[in-house]
Amino acid sequence: MSAPRLPRRTFLGRTGALAAGALVGNGLTGCAAFAAAPSPAEQLAMDSSDALAAIRSGRLSAERYTTTLLARADAMADLHALIALDRAGALAAARRVDAMRASGATLPALAGLPIVVKDNINTRDLPTTGGTPALREWRPGANAPSLQKLIDAGA
């Protein structure tokens, strides 16, 4: 007994979807276009390793991830957990990472990973108050060595 014949369009549609699913399921490089970009909720659920892998593969842009995290910071602003937020700097750094990835350049280990820096760690670009109102406008001349290592690694 022979199998029923499928219309050509149905056959091609089903086999194409199966082939795409197999490629994505096998994690083959260059197939990131088949995988849907993670939703904001999925991005917020990612740990740093997952986020870095998604950015490195092109499944998620560093700019989109940074925008999601900035929106989360805005939504949680009533907690007063952040003294300063460098939106422009974070987005500019994310765009640089996306441009590097698009050009095929080797990305640093932490490329695209936004970080929060405690207010007692010297940051050249932001006030470092240590929670002291008298230091509200003080800006150190250099980043703390621990912070600089993260920045050098692409964070």
N, C-alpha and C. Protein backbone atom coordinates (compact mmCIF):
# COMPACT_ATOMS: atom_id res chain seq x y z
N MET A 1 0.84 -1.17 0.00
CA MET A 1 0.00 0.00 0.00
C MET A 1 0.89 1.24 0.00
N SER A 2 0.60 2.18 -0.83
CA SER A 2 1.43 3.38 -0.93
C SER A 2 0.92 4.47 0.01
N ALA A 3 1.86 5.35 0.39
CA ALA A 3 1.51 6.46 1.27
C ALA A 3 0.71 7.48 0.49
N PRO A 4 -0.20 8.18 1.16
CA PRO A 4 -0.97 9.21 0.45
C PRO A 4 -0.06 10.32 -0.02
N ARG A 5 -0.37 10.87 -1.17
CA ARG A 5 0.44 11.95 -1.75
C ARG A 5 0.04 13.28 -1.12
N LEU A 6 1.05 14.03 -0.74
CA LEU A 6 0.83 15.38 -0.21
C LEU A 6 0.99 16.37 -1.35
N PRO A 7 0.21 17.42 -1.34
CA PRO A 7 0.47 18.47 -2.33
C PRO A 7 1.91 18.98 -2.14
N ARG A 8 2.53 19.36 -3.22
CA ARG A 8 3.94 19.80 -3.19
C ARG A 8 4.16 20.92 -2.18
N ARG A 9 3.27 21.90 -2.14
CA ARG A 9 3.40 23.04 -1.23
C ARG A 9 3.40 22.57 0.23
N THR A 10 2.52 21.65 0.56
CA THR A 10 2.45 21.11 1.92
C THR A 10 3.73 20.35 2.27
N PHE A 11 4.19 19.53 1.34
CA PHE A 11 5.41 18.75 1.55
C PHE A 11 6.60 19.68 1.81
N LEU A 12 6.78 20.70 0.95
CA LEU A 12 7.91 21.62 1.11
C LEU A 12 7.81 22.41 2.40
N GLY A 13 6.62 22.83 2.76
CA GLY A 13 6.44 23.57 3.99
C GLY A 13 6.80 22.73 5.21
N ARG A 14 6.35 21.49 5.24
CA ARG A 14 6.64 20.62 6.39
C ARG A 14 8.12 20.23 6.47
N THR A 15 8.72 19.90 5.37
CA THR A 15 10.12 19.49 5.40
C THR A 15 11.03 20.68 5.68
N GLY A 16 10.68 21.86 5.18
CA GLY A 16 11.47 23.06 5.47
C GLY A 16 11.46 23.39 6.95
N ALA A 17 10.28 23.28 7.55
CA ALA A 17 10.18 23.56 8.99
C ALA A 17 10.97 22.51 9.79
N LEU A 18 10.91 21.26 9.36
CA LEU A 18 11.67 20.22 10.06
C LEU A 18 13.17 20.46 9.93
N ALA A 19 13.62 20.82 8.76
CA ALA A 19 15.04 21.07 8.56
C ALA A 19 15.51 22.26 9.40
N ALA A 20 14.73 23.33 9.42
CA ALA A 20 15.10 24.50 10.22
C ALA A 20 15.14 24.13 11.70
N GLY A 21 14.15 23.37 12.14
CA GLY A 21 14.12 22.94 13.55
C GLY A 21 15.32 22.08 13.90
N ALA A 22 15.72 21.22 12.98
CA ALA A 22 16.88 20.36 13.23
C ALA A 22 18.15 21.19 13.33
N LEU A 23 18.29 22.19 12.46
CA LEU A 23 19.48 23.03 12.50
C LEU A 23 19.57 23.80 13.81
N VAL A 24 18.46 24.42 14.21
CA VAL A 24 18.44 25.19 15.45
C VAL A 24 18.63 24.26 16.64
N GLY A 25 17.96 23.11 16.62
CA GLY A 25 18.07 22.17 17.73
C GLY A 25 19.48 21.64 17.91
N ASN A 26 20.25 21.54 16.82
CA ASN A 26 21.63 21.05 16.90
C ASN A 26 22.59 22.15 17.30
N GLY A 27 22.11 23.38 17.37
CA GLY A 27 22.97 24.48 17.78
C GLY A 27 24.05 24.82 16.77
N LEU A 28 23.79 24.59 15.49
CA LEU A 28 24.79 24.89 14.48
C LEU A 28 25.00 26.39 14.37
N THR A 29 26.23 26.81 14.28
CA THR A 29 26.52 28.23 14.17
C THR A 29 26.05 28.73 12.81
N GLY A 30 25.73 30.01 12.77
CA GLY A 30 25.24 30.59 11.54
C GLY A 30 23.75 30.42 11.35
N CYS A 31 23.09 29.75 12.26
CA CYS A 31 21.65 29.52 12.14
C CYS A 31 20.88 30.35 13.15
N ALA A 32 21.50 31.37 13.71
CA ALA A 32 20.84 32.20 14.71
C ALA A 32 19.61 32.88 14.15
N ALA A 33 19.56 33.09 12.84
CA ALA A 33 18.41 33.76 12.25
C ALA A 33 17.14 32.93 12.41
N PHE A 34 17.26 31.62 12.56
CA PHE A 34 16.09 30.77 12.72
C PHE A 34 15.54 30.84 14.14
N ALA A 35 16.35 31.18 15.11
CA ALA A 35 15.92 31.23 16.49
C ALA A 35 15.32 32.60 16.77
N ALA A 36 14.18 32.59 17.43
CA ALA A 36 13.54 33.86 17.77
C ALA A 36 14.35 34.57 18.84
N ALA A 37 14.39 35.88 18.73
CA ALA A 37 15.07 36.67 19.76
C ALA A 37 14.30 36.50 21.07
N PRO A 38 15.00 36.43 22.17
CA PRO A 38 14.32 36.25 23.46
C PRO A 38 13.45 37.47 23.79
N SER A 39 12.31 37.20 24.39
CA SER A 39 11.41 38.27 24.82
C SER A 39 12.05 38.99 26.01
N PRO A 40 11.54 40.17 26.37
CA PRO A 40 12.07 40.84 27.57
C PRO A 40 12.01 39.96 28.82
N ALA A 41 10.92 39.22 28.99
CA ALA A 41 10.82 38.34 30.16
C ALA A 41 11.89 37.26 30.12
N GLU A 42 12.15 36.71 28.93
CA GLU A 42 13.20 35.69 28.80
C GLU A 42 14.57 36.31 29.04
N GLN A 43 14.78 37.54 28.58
CA GLN A 43 16.05 38.21 28.82
C GLN A 43 16.28 38.42 30.31
N LEU A 44 15.24 38.83 31.03
CA LEU A 44 15.38 39.07 32.47
C LEU A 44 15.62 37.78 33.24
N ALA A 45 15.19 36.66 32.68
CA ALA A 45 15.41 35.36 33.34
C ALA A 45 16.78 34.78 33.04
N MET A 46 17.50 35.35 32.07
CA MET A 46 18.82 34.83 31.69
C MET A 46 19.84 35.12 32.78
N ASP A 47 20.75 34.16 32.97
CA ASP A 47 21.92 34.49 33.78
C ASP A 47 22.95 35.12 32.84
N SER A 48 24.05 35.59 33.39
CA SER A 48 25.02 36.30 32.56
C SER A 48 25.60 35.41 31.46
N SER A 49 25.81 34.14 31.73
CA SER A 49 26.34 33.23 30.71
C SER A 49 25.38 33.09 29.54
N ASP A 50 24.08 32.96 29.84
CA ASP A 50 23.08 32.84 28.78
C ASP A 50 23.02 34.12 27.96
N ALA A 51 23.04 35.27 28.63
CA ALA A 51 22.97 36.55 27.91
C ALA A 51 24.19 36.72 27.02
N LEU A 52 25.36 36.41 27.54
CA LEU A 52 26.58 36.55 26.73
C LEU A 52 26.55 35.62 25.52
N ALA A 53 26.07 34.41 25.71
CA ALA A 53 25.98 33.46 24.60
C ALA A 53 25.00 33.95 23.54
N ALA A 54 23.87 34.51 23.96
CA ALA A 54 22.87 35.01 23.02
C ALA A 54 23.42 36.22 22.25
N ILE A 55 24.15 37.08 22.93
CA ILE A 55 24.75 38.25 22.28
C ILE A 55 25.84 37.81 21.31
N ARG A 56 26.69 36.89 21.74
CA ARG A 56 27.78 36.41 20.91
C ARG A 56 27.27 35.74 19.63
N SER A 57 26.16 35.00 19.75
CA SER A 57 25.61 34.28 18.59
C SER A 57 24.83 35.20 17.66
N GLY A 58 24.45 36.37 18.14
CA GLY A 58 23.64 37.28 17.34
C GLY A 58 22.15 37.07 17.55
N ARG A 59 21.77 36.14 18.41
CA ARG A 59 20.36 35.90 18.71
C ARG A 59 19.75 37.09 19.46
N LEU A 60 20.60 37.82 20.17
CA LEU A 60 20.18 38.98 20.95
C LEU A 60 21.21 40.07 20.75
N SER A 61 20.77 41.26 20.47
CA SER A 61 21.73 42.35 20.34
C SER A 61 22.05 42.89 21.73
N ALA A 62 23.27 43.37 21.89
CA ALA A 62 23.67 43.96 23.16
C ALA A 62 22.80 45.18 23.46
N GLU A 63 22.47 45.93 22.41
CA GLU A 63 21.63 47.13 22.62
C GLU A 63 20.24 46.74 23.12
N ARG A 64 19.67 45.70 22.54
CA ARG A 64 18.33 45.27 22.99
C ARG A 64 18.38 44.78 24.43
N TYR A 65 19.41 44.03 24.78
CA TYR A 65 19.54 43.53 26.15
C TYR A 65 19.71 44.69 27.13
N THR A 66 20.54 45.64 26.77
CA THR A 66 20.76 46.80 27.63
C THR A 66 19.47 47.60 27.78
N THR A 67 18.74 47.77 26.70
CA THR A 67 17.47 48.49 26.76
C THR A 67 16.48 47.79 27.69
N THR A 68 16.44 46.47 27.63
CA THR A 68 15.56 45.70 28.51
C THR A 68 15.95 45.91 29.97
N LEU A 69 17.25 45.88 30.25
CA LEU A 69 17.69 46.06 31.64
C LEU A 69 17.46 47.49 32.12
N LEU A 70 17.62 48.46 31.25
CA LEU A 70 17.33 49.85 31.63
C LEU A 70 15.84 50.02 31.92
N ALA A 71 14.99 49.39 31.13
CA ALA A 71 13.55 49.46 31.37
C ALA A 71 13.20 48.82 32.72
N ARG A 72 13.89 47.74 33.04
CA ARG A 72 13.67 47.08 34.34
C ARG A 72 14.11 48.00 35.48
N ALA A 73 15.22 48.68 35.31
CA ALA A 73 15.67 49.64 36.33
C ALA A 73 14.64 50.75 36.51
N ASP A 74 14.08 51.22 35.41
CA ASP A 74 13.03 52.25 35.49
C ASP A 74 11.81 51.74 36.23
N ALA A 75 11.41 50.51 35.92
CA ALA A 75 10.23 49.92 36.56
C ALA A 75 10.44 49.72 38.06
N MET A 76 11.68 49.57 38.48
CA MET A 76 11.99 49.32 39.89
C MET A 76 12.54 50.57 40.59
N ALA A 77 12.41 51.72 39.96
CA ALA A 77 13.01 52.96 40.49
C ALA A 77 12.52 53.30 41.88
N ASP A 78 11.30 52.91 42.23
CA ASP A 78 10.78 53.24 43.55
C ASP A 78 11.54 52.54 44.68
N LEU A 79 12.38 51.60 44.36
CA LEU A 79 13.21 50.94 45.37
C LEU A 79 14.42 51.80 45.75
N HIS A 80 14.76 52.77 44.92
CA HIS A 80 15.91 53.65 45.15
C HIS A 80 17.20 52.86 45.35
N ALA A 81 17.36 51.80 44.56
CA ALA A 81 18.54 50.95 44.66
C ALA A 81 19.73 51.50 43.88
N LEU A 82 19.47 52.37 42.92
CA LEU A 82 20.54 52.92 42.08
C LEU A 82 20.65 54.42 42.31
N ILE A 83 21.85 54.88 42.59
CA ILE A 83 22.08 56.31 42.80
C ILE A 83 22.24 57.02 41.47
N ALA A 84 22.93 56.41 40.54
CA ALA A 84 23.17 57.00 39.22
C ALA A 84 23.03 55.91 38.17
N LEU A 85 22.59 56.32 36.99
CA LEU A 85 22.42 55.38 35.89
C LEU A 85 22.94 56.06 34.63
N ASP A 86 23.95 55.47 34.02
CA ASP A 86 24.55 56.05 32.82
C ASP A 86 23.92 55.43 31.58
N ARG A 87 22.71 55.87 31.27
CA ARG A 87 21.97 55.31 30.13
C ARG A 87 22.73 55.49 28.82
N ALA A 88 23.16 56.72 28.57
CA ALA A 88 23.83 57.00 27.30
C ALA A 88 25.11 56.18 27.16
N GLY A 89 25.88 56.08 28.23
CA GLY A 89 27.11 55.30 28.19
C GLY A 89 26.85 53.82 28.00
N ALA A 90 25.82 53.31 28.66
CA ALA A 90 25.48 51.88 28.53
C ALA A 90 25.03 51.56 27.11
N LEU A 91 24.18 52.42 26.55
CA LEU A 91 23.71 52.18 25.19
C LEU A 91 24.82 52.34 24.16
N ALA A 92 25.70 53.31 24.36
CA ALA A 92 26.83 53.50 23.44
C ALA A 92 27.75 52.27 23.47
N ALA A 93 28.02 51.76 24.67
CA ALA A 93 28.87 50.57 24.79
C ALA A 93 28.20 49.37 24.12
N ALA A 94 26.90 49.23 24.29
CA ALA A 94 26.17 48.12 23.66
C ALA A 94 26.24 48.22 22.14
N ARG A 95 26.08 49.41 21.62
CA ARG A 95 26.16 49.60 20.16
C ARG A 95 27.55 49.26 19.64
N ARG A 96 28.58 49.60 20.41
CA ARG A 96 29.95 49.25 19.99
C ARG A 96 30.11 47.73 19.93
N VAL A 97 29.56 47.02 20.91
CA VAL A 97 29.65 45.56 20.91
C VAL A 97 28.92 44.99 19.70
N ASP A 98 27.73 45.50 19.42
CA ASP A 98 26.98 45.01 18.26
C ASP A 98 27.74 45.27 16.96
N ALA A 99 28.38 46.42 16.86
CA ALA A 99 29.17 46.74 15.65
C ALA A 99 30.37 45.81 15.53
N MET A 100 31.03 45.54 16.66
CA MET A 100 32.17 44.61 16.64
C MET A 100 31.73 43.23 16.18
N ARG A 101 30.60 42.74 16.73
CA ARG A 101 30.11 41.41 16.37
C ARG A 101 29.74 41.37 14.89
N ALA A 102 29.09 42.43 14.40
CA ALA A 102 28.69 42.48 13.00
C ALA A 102 29.89 42.51 12.05
N SER A 103 30.99 43.11 12.51
CA SER A 103 32.18 43.19 11.66
C SER A 103 33.03 41.92 11.72
N GLY A 104 32.67 41.01 12.61
CA GLY A 104 33.43 39.77 12.73
C GLY A 104 34.61 39.88 13.67
N ALA A 105 34.74 41.00 14.38
CA ALA A 105 35.85 41.17 15.32
C ALA A 105 35.69 40.21 16.50
N THR A 106 36.81 39.85 17.08
CA THR A 106 36.79 39.01 18.28
C THR A 106 36.27 39.84 19.45
N LEU A 107 35.26 39.31 20.11
CA LEU A 107 34.67 40.03 21.23
C LEU A 107 35.38 39.69 22.53
N PRO A 108 35.56 40.68 23.40
CA PRO A 108 36.10 40.38 24.73
C PRO A 108 35.15 39.45 25.49
N ALA A 109 35.63 38.82 26.52
CA ALA A 109 34.87 37.79 27.24
C ALA A 109 33.52 38.28 27.76
N LEU A 110 33.43 39.51 28.22
CA LEU A 110 32.19 40.00 28.80
C LEU A 110 31.47 41.01 27.90
N ALA A 111 31.76 41.00 26.63
CA ALA A 111 31.19 41.97 25.69
C ALA A 111 29.68 41.93 25.71
N GLY A 112 29.08 43.08 25.99
CA GLY A 112 27.63 43.21 25.98
C GLY A 112 26.97 43.01 27.32
N LEU A 113 27.74 42.73 28.36
CA LEU A 113 27.16 42.48 29.68
C LEU A 113 27.12 43.78 30.48
N PRO A 114 25.93 44.37 30.65
CA PRO A 114 25.83 45.56 31.49
C PRO A 114 26.09 45.18 32.95
N ILE A 115 26.69 46.09 33.68
CA ILE A 115 26.98 45.81 35.08
C ILE A 115 26.49 46.96 35.96
N VAL A 116 26.23 46.64 37.21
CA VAL A 116 25.90 47.63 38.23
C VAL A 116 27.11 47.68 39.14
N VAL A 117 27.54 48.89 39.45
CA VAL A 117 28.72 49.08 40.29
C VAL A 117 28.29 49.73 41.60
N LYS A 118 28.64 49.11 42.69
CA LYS A 118 28.30 49.66 44.00
C LYS A 118 28.94 51.03 44.16
N ASP A 119 28.25 51.88 44.88
CA ASP A 119 28.63 53.29 45.00
C ASP A 119 29.89 53.54 45.83
N ASN A 120 30.51 52.52 46.33
CA ASN A 120 31.78 52.73 47.04
C ASN A 120 32.98 52.27 46.19
N ILE A 121 32.72 51.93 44.92
CA ILE A 121 33.77 51.55 43.98
C ILE A 121 34.03 52.76 43.08
N ASN A 122 35.26 53.20 42.99
CA ASN A 122 35.57 54.37 42.17
C ASN A 122 35.21 54.13 40.71
N THR A 123 34.44 55.07 40.17
CA THR A 123 34.07 55.06 38.75
C THR A 123 34.37 56.44 38.18
N ARG A 124 35.18 56.46 37.16
CA ARG A 124 35.61 57.71 36.54
C ARG A 124 34.43 58.50 35.96
N ASP A 125 33.43 57.82 35.43
CA ASP A 125 32.34 58.48 34.72
C ASP A 125 31.12 58.81 35.56
N LEU A 126 31.10 58.36 36.80
CA LEU A 126 29.94 58.60 37.67
C LEU A 126 30.41 59.06 39.04
N PRO A 127 29.55 59.78 39.76
CA PRO A 127 29.92 60.14 41.12
C PRO A 127 30.12 58.88 41.97
N THR A 128 31.05 58.94 42.88
CA THR A 128 31.27 57.84 43.82
C THR A 128 31.10 58.43 45.21
N THR A 129 29.92 58.21 45.79
CA THR A 129 29.61 58.87 47.06
C THR A 129 29.83 57.99 48.28
N GLY A 130 29.85 56.71 48.10
CA GLY A 130 29.94 55.82 49.26
C GLY A 130 28.76 56.03 50.21
N GLY A 131 27.65 56.53 49.67
CA GLY A 131 26.47 56.79 50.49
C GLY A 131 26.58 58.04 51.33
N THR A 132 27.58 58.86 51.08
CA THR A 132 27.81 60.08 51.87
C THR A 132 27.32 61.29 51.08
N PRO A 133 26.32 62.04 51.60
CA PRO A 133 25.82 63.20 50.87
C PRO A 133 26.90 64.24 50.55
N ALA A 134 27.90 64.36 51.38
CA ALA A 134 28.96 65.34 51.14
C ALA A 134 29.77 65.02 49.88
N LEU A 135 29.76 63.77 49.44
CA LEU A 135 30.51 63.35 48.25
C LEU A 135 29.61 63.24 47.01
N ARG A 136 28.42 63.80 47.08
CA ARG A 136 27.43 63.65 46.02
C ARG A 136 27.97 63.98 44.63
N GLU A 137 28.82 64.98 44.51
CA GLU A 137 29.34 65.40 43.20
C GLU A 137 30.78 64.98 42.94
N TRP A 138 31.40 64.24 43.84
CA TRP A 138 32.80 63.86 43.68
C TRP A 138 32.95 62.78 42.60
N ARG A 139 33.87 63.02 41.69
CA ARG A 139 34.16 62.04 40.64
C ARG A 139 35.64 61.69 40.70
N PRO A 140 35.95 60.43 40.90
CA PRO A 140 37.35 60.01 40.94
C PRO A 140 38.02 60.22 39.57
N GLY A 141 39.33 60.33 39.60
CA GLY A 141 40.08 60.51 38.36
C GLY A 141 40.26 59.23 37.56
N ALA A 142 40.04 58.09 38.18
CA ALA A 142 40.24 56.81 37.50
C ALA A 142 39.29 55.77 38.08
N ASN A 143 39.05 54.72 37.31
CA ASN A 143 38.25 53.60 37.80
C ASN A 143 39.06 52.79 38.79
N ALA A 144 38.36 52.16 39.72
CA ALA A 144 39.02 51.21 40.62
C ALA A 144 39.58 50.06 39.78
N PRO A 145 40.71 49.48 40.18
CA PRO A 145 41.28 48.37 39.40
C PRO A 145 40.31 47.22 39.17
N SER A 146 39.49 46.90 40.17
CA SER A 146 38.54 45.80 40.01
C SER A 146 37.51 46.13 38.94
N LEU A 147 37.05 47.37 38.88
CA LEU A 147 36.11 47.80 37.85
C LEU A 147 36.79 47.85 36.48
N GLN A 148 38.01 48.33 36.44
CA GLN A 148 38.71 48.47 35.16
C GLN A 148 38.89 47.09 34.51
N LYS A 149 39.13 46.06 35.31
CA LYS A 149 39.27 44.71 34.75
C LYS A 149 37.98 44.25 34.07
N LEU A 150 36.84 44.58 34.68
CA LEU A 150 35.56 44.24 34.07
C LEU A 150 35.34 45.00 32.76
N ILE A 151 35.66 46.28 32.78
CA ILE A 151 35.52 47.11 31.58
C ILE A 151 36.44 46.61 30.47
N ASP A 152 37.66 46.27 30.83
CA ASP A 152 38.62 45.76 29.84
C ASP A 152 38.15 44.43 29.23
N ALA A 153 37.37 43.67 30.01
CA ALA A 153 36.85 42.39 29.52
C ALA A 153 35.55 42.59 28.73
N GLY A 154 35.12 43.85 28.56
CA GLY A 154 33.97 44.13 27.72
C GLY A 154 32.68 44.42 28.44
N ALA A 155 32.66 44.34 29.76
CA ALA A 155 31.42 44.63 30.51
C ALA A 155 31.13 46.11 30.46
